[in-house]
């Protein structure tokens, strides 16, 4: 049970990182690497590189 709880907490951190800014830009940034802000257009909104880096870091922790 403790292992499942630990895994659940680890999994919950990823969606928190992916949805911390409006729109799917963070998810698309994680999927493709980095999307420089000038490359997005409406309805996407620009996202900070630190936000994408945080999401990638959380994803890499899950893959370990």
N, C-alpha and C. Protein backbone atom coordinates (compact mmCIF):
# COMPACT_ATOMS: atom_id res chain seq x y z
N UNK A 1 0.82 -1.19 0.00
CA UNK A 1 0.00 0.00 0.00
C UNK A 1 0.87 1.26 0.00
N UNK A 2 1.95 1.26 0.76
CA UNK A 2 2.83 2.42 0.83
C UNK A 2 3.49 2.68 -0.52
N UNK A 3 3.85 1.60 -1.23
CA UNK A 3 4.46 1.76 -2.55
C UNK A 3 3.47 2.38 -3.54
N UNK A 4 2.22 1.92 -3.49
CA UNK A 4 1.18 2.48 -4.36
C UNK A 4 0.93 3.95 -4.05
N UNK A 5 0.93 4.29 -2.78
CA UNK A 5 0.72 5.68 -2.37
C UNK A 5 1.87 6.56 -2.88
N UNK A 6 3.09 6.07 -2.76
CA UNK A 6 4.26 6.80 -3.23
C UNK A 6 4.19 7.01 -4.75
N UNK A 7 3.82 5.97 -5.48
CA UNK A 7 3.68 6.07 -6.93
C UNK A 7 2.56 7.04 -7.30
N UNK A 8 1.46 6.99 -6.57
CA UNK A 8 0.35 7.91 -6.82
C UNK A 8 0.75 9.36 -6.66
N UNK A 9 1.53 9.64 -5.62
CA UNK A 9 2.00 11.01 -5.41
C UNK A 9 2.95 11.44 -6.53
N UNK A 10 3.81 10.53 -6.96
CA UNK A 10 4.74 10.84 -8.05
C UNK A 10 3.98 11.11 -9.34
N UNK A 11 2.97 10.30 -9.62
CA UNK A 11 2.17 10.48 -10.83
C UNK A 11 1.38 11.78 -10.79
N UNK A 12 0.92 12.18 -9.63
CA UNK A 12 0.12 13.41 -9.51
C UNK A 12 0.94 14.65 -9.80
N UNK A 13 2.23 14.59 -9.61
CA UNK A 13 3.08 15.76 -9.85
C UNK A 13 3.17 16.11 -11.34
N UNK A 14 3.12 15.12 -12.21
CA UNK A 14 3.24 15.38 -13.64
C UNK A 14 2.06 16.19 -14.18
N UNK A 15 0.81 15.78 -13.97
CA UNK A 15 -0.30 16.62 -14.45
C UNK A 15 -0.27 18.03 -13.85
N UNK A 16 0.17 18.14 -12.62
CA UNK A 16 0.27 19.47 -12.00
C UNK A 16 1.24 20.34 -12.79
N UNK A 17 2.34 19.76 -13.26
CA UNK A 17 3.31 20.52 -14.05
C UNK A 17 2.78 20.80 -15.45
N UNK A 18 2.10 19.83 -16.04
CA UNK A 18 1.62 20.00 -17.41
C UNK A 18 0.49 21.02 -17.52
N UNK A 19 -0.30 21.17 -16.47
CA UNK A 19 -1.45 22.07 -16.53
C UNK A 19 -1.28 23.30 -15.66
N UNK A 20 -0.04 23.67 -15.34
CA UNK A 20 0.18 24.83 -14.48
C UNK A 20 -0.03 26.14 -15.22
N UNK A 21 -0.03 26.12 -16.54
CA UNK A 21 -0.31 27.31 -17.34
C UNK A 21 -1.49 26.97 -18.26
N UNK A 22 -2.26 27.98 -18.67
CA UNK A 22 -3.44 27.70 -19.49
C UNK A 22 -3.07 27.16 -20.87
N UNK A 23 -3.92 26.32 -21.37
CA UNK A 23 -3.73 25.77 -22.70
C UNK A 23 -2.79 24.58 -22.71
N UNK A 24 -2.73 23.88 -23.84
CA UNK A 24 -1.91 22.67 -23.96
C UNK A 24 -0.46 22.93 -24.36
N UNK A 25 0.00 24.16 -24.26
CA UNK A 25 1.35 24.47 -24.73
C UNK A 25 2.42 23.71 -23.98
N UNK A 26 2.25 23.55 -22.67
CA UNK A 26 3.25 22.81 -21.89
C UNK A 26 3.31 21.37 -22.37
N UNK A 27 2.14 20.76 -22.58
CA UNK A 27 2.10 19.37 -23.03
C UNK A 27 2.76 19.25 -24.40
N UNK A 28 2.44 20.16 -25.31
CA UNK A 28 3.06 20.14 -26.63
C UNK A 28 4.56 20.39 -26.54
N UNK A 29 4.97 21.26 -25.62
CA UNK A 29 6.39 21.51 -25.42
C UNK A 29 7.11 20.29 -24.91
N UNK A 30 6.49 19.56 -24.01
CA UNK A 30 7.08 18.33 -23.50
C UNK A 30 7.15 17.29 -24.61
N UNK A 31 6.10 17.20 -25.40
CA UNK A 31 6.05 16.21 -26.46
C UNK A 31 7.12 16.46 -27.52
N UNK A 32 7.35 17.70 -27.87
CA UNK A 32 8.25 18.03 -28.98
C UNK A 32 9.60 18.56 -28.55
N UNK A 33 9.82 18.67 -27.27
CA UNK A 33 11.04 19.31 -26.79
C UNK A 33 10.65 20.68 -26.29
N UNK A 34 11.19 21.71 -26.87
CA UNK A 34 10.86 23.08 -26.46
C UNK A 34 10.21 23.81 -27.62
N UNK A 35 9.15 24.54 -27.33
CA UNK A 35 8.51 25.38 -28.33
C UNK A 35 8.86 26.82 -27.98
N UNK A 36 9.67 27.49 -28.77
CA UNK A 36 9.95 28.89 -28.47
C UNK A 36 8.67 29.71 -28.54
N UNK A 37 8.46 30.63 -27.61
CA UNK A 37 7.21 31.41 -27.56
C UNK A 37 6.78 32.04 -28.88
N UNK A 38 7.69 32.55 -29.73
CA UNK A 38 7.18 33.14 -30.97
C UNK A 38 6.54 32.12 -31.91
N UNK A 39 6.81 30.83 -31.70
CA UNK A 39 6.29 29.81 -32.60
C UNK A 39 4.87 29.39 -32.30
N UNK A 40 4.27 29.88 -31.24
CA UNK A 40 2.90 29.49 -30.94
C UNK A 40 1.95 30.57 -31.45
N UNK A 41 0.75 30.15 -31.78
CA UNK A 41 -0.27 31.09 -32.22
C UNK A 41 -1.57 30.74 -31.49
N UNK A 42 -2.50 31.65 -31.49
CA UNK A 42 -3.78 31.39 -30.84
C UNK A 42 -4.43 30.17 -31.44
N UNK A 43 -5.06 29.34 -30.68
CA UNK A 43 -5.46 29.53 -29.29
C UNK A 43 -4.40 29.15 -28.27
N UNK A 44 -3.21 28.73 -28.72
CA UNK A 44 -2.15 28.43 -27.76
C UNK A 44 -1.63 29.72 -27.16
N UNK A 45 -1.13 29.63 -25.96
CA UNK A 45 -0.52 30.76 -25.28
C UNK A 45 0.94 30.45 -25.03
N UNK A 46 1.76 31.48 -25.03
CA UNK A 46 3.18 31.28 -24.76
C UNK A 46 3.38 30.66 -23.38
N UNK A 47 4.42 29.89 -23.27
CA UNK A 47 4.73 29.22 -22.01
C UNK A 47 6.21 29.44 -21.72
N UNK A 48 6.53 29.56 -20.45
CA UNK A 48 7.92 29.77 -20.06
C UNK A 48 8.76 28.52 -20.23
N UNK A 49 10.01 28.71 -20.60
CA UNK A 49 10.92 27.57 -20.77
C UNK A 49 11.10 26.83 -19.45
N UNK A 50 11.05 27.55 -18.34
CA UNK A 50 11.20 26.91 -17.03
C UNK A 50 10.03 25.96 -16.75
N UNK A 51 8.84 26.32 -17.23
CA UNK A 51 7.67 25.47 -17.03
C UNK A 51 7.82 24.17 -17.80
N UNK A 52 8.27 24.27 -19.05
CA UNK A 52 8.49 23.07 -19.85
C UNK A 52 9.61 22.23 -19.25
N UNK A 53 10.68 22.87 -18.80
CA UNK A 53 11.79 22.15 -18.19
C UNK A 53 11.34 21.41 -16.94
N UNK A 54 10.48 22.04 -16.14
CA UNK A 54 9.96 21.40 -14.94
C UNK A 54 9.13 20.17 -15.30
N UNK A 55 8.29 20.30 -16.32
CA UNK A 55 7.47 19.16 -16.74
C UNK A 55 8.34 18.02 -17.27
N UNK A 56 9.38 18.36 -18.04
CA UNK A 56 10.29 17.32 -18.54
C UNK A 56 11.03 16.63 -17.40
N UNK A 57 11.42 17.40 -16.41
CA UNK A 57 12.12 16.82 -15.26
C UNK A 57 11.20 15.86 -14.51
N UNK A 58 9.95 16.26 -14.30
CA UNK A 58 9.01 15.38 -13.60
C UNK A 58 8.73 14.12 -14.41
N UNK A 59 8.66 14.25 -15.73
CA UNK A 59 8.46 13.09 -16.58
C UNK A 59 9.65 12.15 -16.50
N UNK A 60 10.86 12.69 -16.50
CA UNK A 60 12.04 11.83 -16.43
C UNK A 60 12.12 11.09 -15.11
N UNK A 61 11.64 11.71 -14.03
CA UNK A 61 11.62 11.02 -12.74
C UNK A 61 10.69 9.81 -12.78
N UNK A 62 9.59 9.91 -13.52
CA UNK A 62 8.66 8.79 -13.62
C UNK A 62 9.25 7.65 -14.43
N UNK A 63 10.11 7.98 -15.38
CA UNK A 63 10.69 6.96 -16.25
C UNK A 63 11.81 6.18 -15.58
N UNK A 64 12.27 6.64 -14.42
CA UNK A 64 13.38 5.96 -13.72
C UNK A 64 12.91 4.69 -13.07
